[in-house]
Amino acid sequence: MTETPITSHDNPIFKRLKKLAESARARREAHMSLLDGEHLLAAYLEAGGQPHTLVRAASVGAERLAPFAARCPQTKAIVLPDALFAELVPVATPTGVLAEAAWLTPPAIDAIPLVIALEDIQDPGNLGAMLRTGAAAGATLAVLSKGCHDPWSPKALRGGQGAQFVLPLMSGVDIVEWVRQFEGESLALALTEDNSLYARKLTGPLALIVGNEGAGLSQAVCTAASATIHIPMPGKVESLNAAAALAVAVFEAARQRAV
């Protein structure tokens, strides 16, 4: 593996990587993102992707990248001083390994629709975790509203741990309009007095709709949905957070479908 050392902020490759790290617009225009760490890179390769550039911090041994470089021999490899590398990562304790990678478009999943529809999820870690939960439960599609965080941001990718590579995504969607045309049952998860999740049959074409971490679902989405349902909570708390509520609901649907 031949590596190219880069030491200047003015290097065009570094400037390109920094834009991808910081700008959702740059990621959208290039359809590229940065993958942080070996786990994400391995998941990307398993999903059939080939990274454009492999990046390591100078303090990290070349052997860390060697297994990945062997699987993508045409990929360029670079080495950055630790200070420059730190400018590209979203966490205080970087792994020392990055990859510049094109967005993947997972193939449509041939199964009874089980859709997770997310309205205005703004925390990247929450969004990534929700996509990961959906993928793990066998969701066939994730629909993200215009107000959701960028699912391809470094923090959302870190939260998703590979979900974006295997779960088909629709971003920038008008959730109300999408729900109206969905040919199945659409259930809005909200604080309501009746319509328990566990009383519903969830084996047909289904969309589970979850709202913003603080405000919850908009009234317009609740009105457009087939029904508003709640998760019974015998404990003395008012509500679950959005990611936990989605996990309960989508795995209940997965349980019913497995029976």
Foldseek 3Di string as FASTA:
>chain_A
DDAAEDEDCPPPVLVLLLCQQPPPVSCVVQQKHKEFDDLLLVLCVVLPWAFQEKEFEPVDDPVRCVVVCVSHVVHHYYYYHPVSVVSNADDPDGPRIMTITHQAAADQDPDFAEEEEEEQAEDLLLLLLLLLLCVVLPHREYEYALNYDDCRHNNNSVNNSNSSSHHGYHYHDPLLVVLLPDPDAEEEEDDDDDAALLVDQQQHRYYYYWYYQPPIDDPSNCVSGPHYYYHDDPDPDDHDGRSVRSNVNSNSSSVNNVD
